[in-house]
């Protein structure tokens, strides 16, 4: 009998051990599923409508203020109008002079902007609209980019001899 009770206790410990392990796997699976769901929910964002659909806020007029600010800046700079052109060529340091030609310039959104110059140069953003992912070009004699975001773009340029200058581009 003494041997039989040992066997029963041994069987209970095995059954309890399996049961505990089985619960741990289930808990781990549950916790993993909850964490995965939380991560995915954070990546996908919420589907609630916060009312911001690009229209002007009646109380603050924020969108119309941005448009007015851009219009005022365009009036202030009086840029060369290249709207309506799908591709716009801008010379970098024409005739060795530290400037862009044309500068300032106004272009359509998604027009292909092509900078060309005689030497390697670096063009970099100084002040560009939020959301624009353009980081400039670190060297070369030719560079192309399409700007999807409307706004004022202040650009800097560094020539191989270290000379720097700025220019303005308006994307409308």
Protein backbone atom coordinates (compact mmCIF):
# COMPACT_ATOMS: atom_id res chain seq x y z
CA UNK A 1 0.00 0.00 0.00
CA UNK A 2 2.79 2.33 0.80
CA UNK A 3 4.09 1.95 -2.73
CA UNK A 4 0.62 2.57 -4.18
CA UNK A 5 0.22 5.91 -2.41
CA UNK A 6 3.61 7.03 -3.71
CA UNK A 7 2.52 6.20 -7.21
CA UNK A 8 -0.74 8.11 -6.73
CA UNK A 9 1.14 11.15 -5.39
CA UNK A 10 3.59 10.90 -8.30
CA UNK A 11 0.69 10.79 -10.77
CA UNK A 12 -0.97 13.80 -9.06
CA UNK A 13 2.25 15.82 -9.27
CA UNK A 14 2.55 14.98 -12.96
CA UNK A 15 -1.09 15.86 -13.61
CA UNK A 16 -0.81 19.07 -11.57
CA UNK A 17 2.47 19.91 -13.32
CA UNK A 18 0.91 19.41 -16.74
CA UNK A 19 -2.12 21.38 -15.71
CA UNK A 20 0.02 24.27 -14.44
CA UNK A 21 2.15 24.21 -17.58
CA UNK A 22 -0.95 24.07 -19.71
CA UNK A 23 -2.38 27.12 -17.91
CA UNK A 24 0.92 28.97 -18.33
CA UNK A 25 0.90 28.34 -22.06
CA UNK A 26 -2.65 29.59 -22.22
CA UNK A 27 -1.75 32.67 -20.18
CA UNK A 28 1.28 33.34 -22.33
CA UNK A 29 -0.79 32.93 -25.46
CA UNK A 30 -3.43 35.26 -24.07
CA UNK A 31 -0.92 37.89 -22.95
CA UNK A 32 0.85 37.65 -26.32
CA UNK A 33 -2.43 38.10 -28.17
CA UNK A 34 -3.37 41.10 -26.01
CA UNK A 35 0.05 42.72 -26.54
CA UNK A 36 -0.08 42.10 -30.28
CA UNK A 37 -3.56 43.58 -30.47
CA UNK A 38 -2.45 46.66 -28.52
CA UNK A 39 0.57 47.17 -30.77
CA UNK A 40 -1.50 46.81 -33.92
CA UNK A 41 -4.15 49.18 -32.58
CA UNK A 42 -1.46 51.75 -31.89
CA UNK A 43 -0.02 51.39 -35.40
CA UNK A 44 -3.36 51.61 -37.10
CA UNK A 45 -4.62 54.58 -35.09
CA UNK A 46 -8.15 55.11 -34.03
CA UNK A 47 -11.06 55.32 -36.39
CA UNK A 48 -12.79 58.13 -34.56
CA UNK A 49 -13.67 61.18 -36.60
CA UNK A 50 -12.10 64.21 -34.96
CA UNK A 51 -13.77 66.47 -37.48
CA UNK A 52 -10.50 67.52 -39.15
CA UNK A 53 -11.19 66.84 -42.77
CA UNK A 54 -9.09 69.67 -44.17
CA UNK A 55 -11.84 72.24 -43.99
CA UNK A 56 -11.40 75.57 -42.30
CA UNK A 57 -12.17 75.69 -38.60
CA UNK A 58 -14.95 78.28 -38.26
CA UNK A 59 -13.68 79.51 -34.90
CA UNK A 60 -9.96 79.89 -35.65
CA UNK A 61 -9.76 79.90 -39.45
CA UNK A 62 -6.43 78.02 -39.18
CA UNK A 63 -6.42 76.62 -42.73
CA UNK A 64 -7.32 79.95 -44.30
CA UNK A 65 -4.62 81.65 -42.19
CA UNK A 66 -2.01 79.27 -43.64
CA UNK A 67 -3.23 80.01 -47.17
CA UNK A 68 -3.24 83.75 -46.48
CA UNK A 69 0.28 83.55 -45.04
CA UNK A 70 1.50 81.72 -48.17
CA UNK A 71 -0.20 84.25 -50.44
CA UNK A 72 1.40 87.12 -48.51
CA UNK A 73 4.83 85.52 -48.76
CA UNK A 74 4.39 84.96 -52.49
CA UNK A 75 3.41 88.64 -52.89
CA UNK A 76 6.42 89.67 -50.79
CA UNK A 77 8.93 87.66 -52.86
CA UNK A 78 7.29 88.12 -56.31
CA UNK A 79 8.61 84.78 -57.65
CA UNK A 80 9.11 83.74 -61.24
CA UNK A 81 5.88 81.91 -62.12
CA UNK A 82 6.57 78.42 -63.46
CA UNK A 83 3.15 77.01 -62.61
CA UNK A 84 1.64 74.96 -65.40
CA UNK A 85 5.02 73.37 -66.19
CA UNK A 86 5.46 69.69 -65.34
CA UNK A 87 9.25 70.04 -65.22
CA UNK A 88 11.17 73.08 -63.94
CA UNK A 89 14.92 73.56 -64.41
CA UNK A 90 16.86 75.56 -61.80
CA UNK A 91 20.51 76.39 -62.35
CA UNK A 92 22.87 76.24 -59.38
CA UNK A 93 25.54 78.96 -59.34
CA UNK A 94 25.14 80.06 -62.97
CA UNK A 95 28.29 81.78 -64.29
CA UNK A 96 29.97 80.97 -60.96
CA UNK A 97 27.68 83.32 -59.04
CA UNK A 98 26.35 81.95 -55.72
CA UNK A 99 22.63 81.91 -56.50
CA UNK A 100 19.79 79.87 -57.96
CA UNK A 101 18.33 80.84 -61.32
CA UNK A 102 15.41 81.43 -61.21
CA UNK A 103 15.06 82.60 -57.63
CA UNK A 104 12.53 82.90 -56.16
CA UNK A 105 10.36 80.54 -58.17
CA UNK A 106 6.73 79.35 -57.92
CA UNK A 107 5.88 75.84 -59.13
CA UNK A 108 2.95 73.43 -59.08
CA UNK A 109 2.74 70.64 -56.55
CA UNK A 110 4.35 67.46 -57.95
CA UNK A 111 6.16 69.31 -60.75
CA UNK A 112 9.58 67.77 -61.30
CA UNK A 113 12.22 70.22 -60.05
CA UNK A 114 15.67 69.68 -61.58
CA UNK A 115 18.71 71.47 -60.21
CA UNK A 116 21.84 71.46 -62.38
CA UNK A 117 25.24 73.02 -61.94
CA UNK A 118 28.81 72.83 -63.22
CA UNK A 119 30.29 71.48 -60.00
CA UNK A 120 29.33 69.28 -57.10
CA UNK A 121 27.07 71.10 -54.68
CA UNK A 122 24.92 70.36 -51.67
CA UNK A 123 21.31 71.56 -51.52
CA UNK A 124 19.60 71.32 -48.16
CA UNK A 125 16.27 72.39 -46.63
CA UNK A 126 16.33 75.34 -44.24
CA UNK A 127 12.60 75.84 -43.70
CA UNK A 128 10.10 73.54 -45.41
CA UNK A 129 6.44 72.62 -44.82
CA UNK A 130 5.55 70.00 -42.20
CA UNK A 131 5.25 66.55 -43.66
CA UNK A 132 7.84 67.07 -46.40
CA UNK A 133 10.40 64.28 -46.27
CA UNK A 134 12.94 65.87 -48.61
CA UNK A 135 16.35 66.01 -46.98
CA UNK A 136 18.29 67.59 -49.82
CA UNK A 137 21.20 66.28 -51.85
CA UNK A 138 24.73 65.83 -50.52
CA UNK A 139 26.65 66.23 -53.74
CA UNK A 140 26.45 66.01 -57.45
CA UNK A 141 25.84 68.20 -60.44
CA UNK A 142 22.21 67.16 -61.03
CA UNK A 143 19.33 66.51 -58.66
CA UNK A 144 15.58 66.00 -59.18
CA UNK A 145 12.67 66.02 -56.76
CA UNK A 146 8.88 66.33 -56.79
CA UNK A 147 7.39 68.33 -53.92
CA UNK A 148 3.91 67.09 -52.95
CA UNK A 149 3.29 69.61 -50.15
CA UNK A 150 2.18 73.15 -50.87
CA UNK A 151 4.04 75.88 -49.06
CA UNK A 152 7.17 78.00 -48.92
CA UNK A 153 10.52 76.22 -49.16
CA UNK A 154 13.66 78.04 -48.09
CA UNK A 155 16.62 76.13 -49.48
CA UNK A 156 20.32 76.43 -48.84
CA UNK A 157 23.19 75.54 -51.12
CA UNK A 158 26.86 74.90 -50.33
CA UNK A 159 29.36 74.98 -53.19
CA UNK A 160 32.61 72.94 -53.16
CA UNK A 161 34.64 76.01 -52.09
CA UNK A 162 32.40 76.42 -49.00
CA UNK A 163 30.38 79.35 -50.35
CA UNK A 164 26.77 79.17 -49.20
CA UNK A 165 23.60 80.90 -50.41
CA UNK A 166 19.84 80.51 -50.05
CA UNK A 167 16.83 80.58 -52.31
CA UNK A 168 13.03 80.44 -52.11
CA UNK A 169 10.61 78.14 -53.87
CA UNK A 170 6.84 78.29 -53.53
CA UNK A 171 4.85 75.12 -54.23
CA UNK A 172 1.18 75.84 -55.02
